[in-house]
Amino acid sequence: MKAILSTRPGGPSTLSLNDVPEPVPGPGQVRVRVASCAINYPDVLIIEDRYQDRPPRPFVPGSEIAGLIDAIGPGVTGLQLGQRVFGATGNRGGLAEKVLLPADDCHIAPPELPLDEASGLLLTYATALYGLKNLARLRPDDCLLVLGAAGGVGLAAVELGKALGAQVVAVASTPEKLEVARRRGADAGVVCPRGPLDRDAARAFKDQLKAACPPGGANVICDPVGGDYAEPALRVIAQGGRYLVIGFTAGIPKIPLNLVLLKACQLIGVLWGPFTRDESAAHRDNVQALLTFYRDGKIKPLISERFPLERSAEALARLAERRAVGKIVVTMGAS
């Protein structure tokens, strides 16, 4: 079978298309013929050796997929050959024609959910829902401020914030990206300046955010961006607010902790992977909630670009260059 391999640390240009043996499912595993693999920022980091998980090389990147079960290992019950499923691969394996998944990590894709959209439902939407619902306990009529609102996690947070009844303020890097967030439900928006931000630019950005939020500030802030944007955002958090730390596409910020004290707010790290293992029942409840939101028309993954397997490096480069809107997927033909 064909697969994309990372054989040395580096950017997307270091990846290569290779023939590799088909994996054989062991006890408790199924093999999935991949229809679609969604691309995520950790996929960029892991091939550059900048992610917390550093698998031995060569390895196949790709962290979430959807496809058809084509082999079932010993001891697996409740799943059938040919069943449409989606799941997370544990940060590697997805950019291949076939991949192994633990049976317990497979989720059934309902007939109305296209597989390319199903492949983009976990790492972004499930992460955002875990942060908003389980950690920040977003309430109806809260103000939710979303940085990077046209990216994968950001756009998911915009949609989910509206589905949960919040007032959503979106922040994006261009008017075009902000318009995408508005079409997905954002009530207000701010076009952020290009970083890095000096003191005057940071103060002006803070003033823009403050003007877009209600007088009391943002009750919940969803931040997959970090960098120089984090402190201005934290300065507009409401008293007792919750700040969700999700990622650092703009770099790791330095936060003056006196702001946390003065606002009596919480900084909350959103690490979705351990949640799926340690609170598996709650995670599966969240996945079912996502499917209900999808059926009700409240969320819909925005697939902005599709690439064939042999052009996977281009797909990762789009994300690395921060040119992605919504989700980018690599498709492989199964349906």
Protein backbone atom coordinates (compact mmCIF):
# COMPACT_ATOMS: atom_id res chain seq x y z
CA MET A 1 0.00 0.00 0.00
CA LYS A 2 1.02 3.65 -0.37
CA ALA A 3 1.91 5.83 2.59
CA ILE A 4 3.61 9.13 3.34
CA LEU A 5 6.80 8.72 5.39
CA SER A 6 8.77 11.11 7.55
CA THR A 7 12.36 9.87 7.35
CA ARG A 8 14.14 12.90 8.81
CA PRO A 9 13.16 16.00 10.80
CA GLY A 10 12.05 18.95 8.73
CA GLY A 11 9.21 20.66 6.97
CA PRO A 12 6.66 19.18 4.55
CA SER A 13 9.26 18.96 1.75
CA THR A 14 11.05 16.18 3.69
CA LEU A 15 8.06 13.83 3.31
CA SER A 16 7.98 11.11 0.65
CA LEU A 17 5.42 8.72 -0.85
CA ASN A 18 6.44 5.08 -0.37
CA ASP A 19 5.23 1.52 -0.68
CA VAL A 20 4.88 -0.08 2.77
CA PRO A 21 3.43 -3.40 3.99
CA GLU A 22 -0.26 -3.47 4.88
CA PRO A 23 -0.71 -3.50 8.67
CA VAL A 24 -2.36 -6.55 10.23
CA PRO A 25 -4.88 -5.90 13.03
CA GLY A 26 -4.02 -7.43 16.39
CA PRO A 27 -6.33 -8.15 19.32
CA GLY A 28 -8.81 -5.33 19.84
CA GLN A 29 -7.88 -3.56 16.60
CA VAL A 30 -9.52 -2.94 13.24
CA ARG A 31 -7.94 -1.96 9.96
CA VAL A 32 -9.49 0.99 8.17
CA ARG A 33 -9.23 1.67 4.45
CA VAL A 34 -8.74 5.41 4.63
CA ALA A 35 -11.05 7.69 2.69
CA SER A 36 -9.88 10.97 4.17
CA CYS A 37 -7.21 12.21 6.55
CA ALA A 38 -7.69 15.70 8.02
CA ILE A 39 -4.54 17.78 8.48
CA ASN A 40 -3.88 19.44 11.83
CA TYR A 41 -1.18 21.70 13.22
CA PRO A 42 0.34 18.91 15.37
CA ASP A 43 1.03 17.07 12.08
CA VAL A 44 3.33 19.96 11.12
CA LEU A 45 5.04 20.01 14.51
CA ILE A 46 5.61 16.27 14.72
CA ILE A 47 7.52 16.02 11.42
CA GLU A 48 9.75 18.89 12.60
CA ASP A 49 10.44 17.21 15.99
CA ARG A 50 8.72 20.14 17.72
CA TYR A 51 5.86 18.13 19.24
CA GLN A 52 5.82 16.45 22.65
CA ASP A 53 5.42 13.08 20.94
CA ARG A 54 8.55 12.16 18.93
CA PRO A 55 8.01 8.76 17.31
CA PRO A 56 10.98 6.82 15.94
CA ARG A 57 11.52 7.22 12.20
CA PRO A 58 10.42 6.34 9.68
CA PHE A 59 6.82 7.04 10.64
CA VAL A 60 3.58 7.94 8.86
CA PRO A 61 2.12 11.29 9.98
CA GLY A 62 -1.60 12.00 10.08
CA SER A 63 -3.69 12.15 13.23
CA GLU A 64 -7.38 11.75 12.32
CA ILE A 65 -9.07 9.73 9.62
CA ALA A 66 -12.35 8.39 8.30
CA GLY A 67 -12.89 5.34 6.13
CA LEU A 68 -14.21 1.79 5.86
CA ILE A 69 -13.32 -1.14 8.10
CA ASP A 70 -11.66 -3.78 5.92
CA ALA A 71 -10.20 -6.18 8.54
CA ILE A 72 -11.06 -6.99 12.15
CA GLY A 73 -8.68 -8.33 14.77
CA PRO A 74 -9.39 -10.98 17.43
CA GLY A 75 -11.76 -10.05 20.24
CA VAL A 76 -13.45 -7.15 18.48
CA THR A 77 -17.23 -7.02 18.84
CA GLY A 78 -19.80 -4.49 17.71
CA LEU A 79 -18.02 -3.52 14.49
CA GLN A 80 -18.44 -4.97 11.01
CA LEU A 81 -16.53 -5.16 7.76
CA GLY A 82 -17.42 -2.29 5.47
CA GLN A 83 -18.64 -0.08 8.30
CA ARG A 84 -18.02 3.67 7.92
CA VAL A 85 -15.98 4.92 10.87
CA PHE A 86 -13.85 7.85 11.97
CA GLY A 87 -11.23 8.15 14.66
CA ALA A 88 -7.99 9.64 15.94
CA THR A 89 -4.81 7.72 15.19
CA GLY A 90 -2.61 8.84 18.07
CA ASN A 91 -0.63 11.46 16.08
CA ARG A 92 0.58 9.15 13.32
CA GLY A 93 -0.54 6.68 10.69
CA GLY A 94 -3.30 8.58 8.93
CA LEU A 95 -1.53 9.53 5.69
CA ALA A 96 -1.71 6.02 4.32
CA GLU A 97 -4.14 3.94 2.33
CA LYS A 98 -4.80 1.76 5.40
CA VAL A 99 -4.33 2.28 9.12
CA LEU A 100 -4.93 0.35 12.36
CA LEU A 101 -7.21 1.76 15.05
CA PRO A 102 -8.18 0.38 18.46
CA ALA A 103 -11.79 -0.74 18.14
CA ASP A 104 -12.70 1.35 21.19
CA ASP A 105 -11.46 4.48 19.39
CA CYS A 106 -13.68 3.99 16.34
CA HIS A 107 -16.83 6.07 16.00
CA ILE A 108 -19.59 5.13 13.57
CA ALA A 109 -20.16 7.73 10.86
CA PRO A 110 -23.90 8.09 10.20
CA PRO A 111 -24.99 7.93 6.54
CA GLU A 112 -25.62 11.68 6.32
CA LEU A 113 -22.03 12.51 7.37
CA PRO A 114 -19.60 12.52 4.41
CA LEU A 115 -16.32 10.82 5.25
CA ASP A 116 -14.19 13.86 4.44
CA GLU A 117 -16.19 15.86 6.98
CA ALA A 118 -16.10 12.97 9.45
CA SER A 119 -12.31 12.97 9.30
CA GLY A 120 -12.31 16.57 10.55
CA LEU A 121 -14.69 16.09 13.47
CA LEU A 122 -12.41 14.99 16.29
CA LEU A 123 -9.18 16.91 16.79
CA THR A 124 -10.82 20.29 16.24
CA TYR A 125 -14.49 19.95 17.23
CA ALA A 126 -13.97 17.44 20.04
CA THR A 127 -11.09 19.49 21.43
CA ALA A 128 -13.16 22.68 21.29
CA LEU A 129 -16.19 21.01 22.88
CA TYR A 130 -14.05 19.51 25.66
CA GLY A 131 -12.63 22.94 26.41
CA LEU A 132 -15.89 24.87 26.21
CA LYS A 133 -18.20 22.36 27.87
CA ASN A 134 -16.15 20.23 30.27
CA LEU A 135 -13.45 22.72 31.32
CA ALA A 136 -14.79 26.26 30.87
CA ARG A 137 -18.41 25.27 31.44
CA LEU A 138 -19.59 27.80 28.90
CA ARG A 139 -23.06 29.08 29.80
CA PRO A 140 -25.82 30.48 27.60
CA ASP A 141 -25.36 34.24 27.23
CA ASP A 142 -21.66 34.08 28.16
CA CYS A 143 -19.37 36.05 25.89
CA LEU A 144 -16.93 33.75 24.12
CA LEU A 145 -13.85 35.35 22.52
CA VAL A 146 -12.19 33.13 19.91
CA LEU A 147 -8.68 33.83 18.60
CA GLY A 148 -7.71 32.27 15.26
CA ALA A 149 -11.41 32.03 14.51
CA ALA A 150 -11.03 30.84 10.90
CA GLY A 151 -8.67 27.97 11.70
CA GLY A 152 -9.65 24.42 12.55
CA VAL A 153 -10.13 24.70 16.32
CA GLY A 154 -11.15 28.34 16.15
CA LEU A 155 -13.94 27.85 13.62
CA ALA A 156 -15.15 24.81 15.56
CA ALA A 157 -15.26 26.95 18.72
CA VAL A 158 -17.28 29.63 16.92
CA GLU A 159 -19.89 27.11 15.80
CA LEU A 160 -20.00 25.29 19.12
CA GLY A 161 -20.15 28.53 21.08
CA LYS A 162 -23.28 29.49 19.16
CA ALA A 163 -24.72 25.98 19.55
CA LEU A 164 -24.23 26.31 23.33
CA GLY A 165 -25.97 29.69 23.38
CA ALA A 166 -23.01 32.05 23.82
CA GLN A 167 -22.36 35.45 22.29
CA VAL A 168 -19.31 34.88 20.07
CA VAL A 169 -16.63 37.44 19.24
CA ALA A 170 -14.29 36.17 16.52
CA VAL A 171 -10.70 37.29 15.92
CA ALA A 172 -9.01 36.54 12.59
CA SER A 173 -5.98 37.77 10.66
CA THR A 174 -7.81 39.05 7.54
CA PRO A 175 -11.26 40.47 6.72
CA GLU A 176 -11.86 37.45 4.49
CA LYS A 177 -11.16 35.01 7.33
CA LEU A 178 -13.31 37.05 9.69
CA GLU A 179 -16.18 36.87 7.20
CA VAL A 180 -15.89 33.05 7.27
CA ALA A 181 -16.31 33.14 11.06
CA ARG A 182 -19.27 35.51 10.75
CA ARG A 183 -20.97 33.16 8.30
CA ARG A 184 -20.50 30.37 10.85
CA GLY A 185 -22.28 32.33 13.55
CA ALA A 186 -19.92 34.91 15.10
CA ASP A 187 -21.85 37.91 16.43
CA ALA A 188 -18.94 40.34 16.23
CA GLY A 189 -15.38 40.31 15.03
CA VAL A 190 -11.94 41.88 15.08
CA VAL A 191 -9.22 41.73 12.43
CA CYS A 192 -6.01 41.33 14.41
CA PRO A 193 -2.75 43.05 13.44
CA ARG A 194 0.16 41.08 12.06
CA GLY A 195 2.69 40.14 14.73
CA PRO A 196 5.02 40.63 16.39
CA LEU A 197 3.25 43.38 18.36
CA ASP A 198 5.08 46.20 20.08
CA ARG A 199 3.57 47.85 23.17
CA ASP A 200 1.48 50.34 21.19
CA ALA A 201 0.18 47.70 18.79
CA ALA A 202 -0.67 45.37 21.67
CA ARG A 203 -2.55 48.16 23.46
CA ALA A 204 -4.47 49.03 20.27
CA PHE A 205 -5.38 45.37 19.77
CA LYS A 206 -6.59 45.15 23.37
CA ASP A 207 -8.77 48.22 22.80
CA GLN A 208 -10.28 46.61 19.68
CA LEU A 209 -11.13 43.47 21.64
CA LYS A 210 -12.59 45.47 24.50
CA ALA A 211 -14.84 47.39 22.11
CA ALA A 212 -16.11 44.17 20.51
CA CYS A 213 -16.94 42.49 23.84
CA PRO A 214 -19.72 43.41 26.29
CA PRO A 215 -18.84 45.95 29.01
CA GLY A 216 -17.91 43.22 31.49
CA GLY A 217 -15.48 41.54 29.08
CA ALA A 218 -15.24 37.99 27.72
CA ASN A 219 -16.35 35.22 30.08
CA VAL A 220 -14.45 32.55 28.13
CA ILE A 221 -11.48 32.98 25.80
CA CYS A 222 -10.50 30.23 23.37
CA ASP A 223 -6.87 30.62 22.32
CA PRO A 224 -5.23 28.26 19.81
CA VAL A 225 -2.85 31.06 18.73
CA GLY A 226 -0.81 32.36 21.68
CA GLY A 227 2.14 34.59 20.82
CA ASP A 228 1.78 38.34 21.25
CA TYR A 229 -2.01 38.04 21.04
CA ALA A 230 -2.49 36.24 24.34
CA GLU A 231 -1.80 39.08 26.78
CA PRO A 232 -4.08 41.64 25.07
CA ALA A 233 -6.84 39.02 25.04
CA LEU A 234 -6.31 38.19 28.71
CA ARG A 235 -6.64 41.89 29.54
CA VAL A 236 -10.27 41.86 28.34
CA ILE A 237 -11.34 38.75 30.25
CA ALA A 238 -14.30 39.17 32.58
CA GLN A 239 -13.95 38.88 36.33
CA GLY A 240 -13.86 35.16 37.10
CA GLY A 241 -13.42 34.32 33.41
CA ARG A 242 -11.86 31.17 31.94
CA TYR A 243 -8.98 31.32 29.46
CA LEU A 244 -8.55 28.13 27.39
CA VAL A 245 -4.94 27.52 26.33
CA ILE A 246 -5.15 25.27 23.26
CA GLY A 247 -2.14 25.95 21.04
CA PHE A 248 0.65 28.25 19.97
CA THR A 249 0.57 28.80 16.22
CA ALA A 250 2.00 32.29 16.84
CA GLY A 251 4.48 31.14 19.50
CA ILE A 252 4.45 30.53 23.26
CA PRO A 253 3.35 33.69 25.08
CA LYS A 254 4.71 35.26 28.25
CA ILE A 255 1.78 36.06 30.54
CA PRO A 256 2.06 38.49 33.50
CA LEU A 257 0.42 36.45 36.24
CA ASN A 258 -0.72 39.54 38.10
CA LEU A 259 -3.50 39.76 35.48
CA VAL A 260 -4.76 36.34 36.57
CA LEU A 261 -4.85 37.51 40.18
CA LEU A 262 -6.52 40.85 39.44
CA LYS A 263 -9.20 39.24 37.28
CA ALA A 264 -9.63 36.21 39.59
CA CYS A 265 -9.65 34.23 36.35
CA GLN A 266 -8.50 30.74 35.42
CA LEU A 267 -5.90 29.71 32.85
CA ILE A 268 -6.92 26.23 31.68
CA GLY A 269 -4.79 23.94 29.57
CA VAL A 270 -6.86 21.95 27.05
CA LEU A 271 -5.12 18.61 26.51
CA TRP A 272 -7.69 16.50 24.72
CA GLY A 273 -5.74 13.24 24.33
CA PRO A 274 -5.57 12.29 28.04
CA PHE A 275 -9.26 13.20 28.41
CA THR A 276 -10.22 10.64 25.76
CA ARG A 277 -8.37 7.94 27.73
CA ASP A 278 -9.02 8.94 31.32
CA GLU A 279 -12.65 9.97 30.87
CA SER A 280 -13.60 7.79 27.91
CA ALA A 281 -17.32 7.74 28.70
CA ALA A 282 -17.46 11.55 28.82
CA HIS A 283 -15.46 11.71 25.57
CA ARG A 284 -17.86 9.38 23.78
CA ASP A 285 -20.78 11.48 25.10
CA ASN A 286 -19.11 14.52 23.53
CA VAL A 287 -18.73 12.74 20.19
CA GLN A 288 -22.42 11.86 20.25
CA ALA A 289 -23.22 15.49 21.07
CA LEU A 290 -21.18 16.56 18.03
CA LEU A 291 -23.11 14.16 15.81
CA THR A 292 -26.38 15.57 17.17
CA PHE A 293 -25.20 19.12 16.51
CA TYR A 294 -24.28 18.02 12.97
CA ARG A 295 -27.70 16.45 12.33
CA ASP A 296 -29.36 19.61 13.65
CA GLY A 297 -27.34 21.79 11.27
CA LYS A 298 -25.51 23.61 14.09
CA ILE A 299 -22.01 22.51 13.04
CA LYS A 300 -20.50 21.50 9.72
CA PRO A 301 -16.75 21.07 9.13
CA LEU A 302 -15.61 23.55 6.50
CA ILE A 303 -13.41 21.63 4.06
CA SER A 304 -11.58 24.40 2.25
CA GLU A 305 -9.13 22.26 0.25
CA ARG A 306 -8.69 18.62 -0.72
CA PHE A 307 -5.42 17.01 -1.82
CA PRO A 308 -4.63 13.49 -3.09
CA LEU A 309 -2.23 11.38 -1.03
CA GLU A 310 0.75 12.12 -3.28
CA ARG A 311 0.30 15.85 -2.58
CA SER A 312 0.17 15.52 1.21
CA ALA A 313 3.25 17.74 1.59
CA GLU A 314 1.33 20.61 -0.03
CA ALA A 315 -1.53 20.12 2.41
CA LEU A 316 0.84 20.33 5.39
CA ALA A 317 2.59 23.35 3.88
CA ARG A 318 -0.74 25.21 3.71
CA LEU A 319 -1.13 24.74 7.46
CA ALA A 320 2.52 25.48 8.24
CA GLU A 321 2.22 28.80 6.38
CA ARG A 322 -1.01 29.65 8.25
CA ARG A 323 -2.94 29.89 4.99
CA ALA A 324 -5.60 27.35 5.94
CA VAL A 325 -9.24 28.23 6.46
CA GLY A 326 -11.28 25.60 8.28
CA LYS A 327 -10.05 22.09 7.50
CA ILE A 328 -7.68 20.76 4.85
CA VAL A 329 -8.00 17.06 4.04
CA VAL A 330 -6.10 14.44 2.06
CA THR A 331 -8.50 12.12 0.26
CA MET A 332 -7.92 8.57 -0.91
CA GLY A 333 -11.04 7.47 -2.72
CA ALA A 334 -12.93 5.15 -0.34
CA SER A 335 -16.57 6.15 0.26
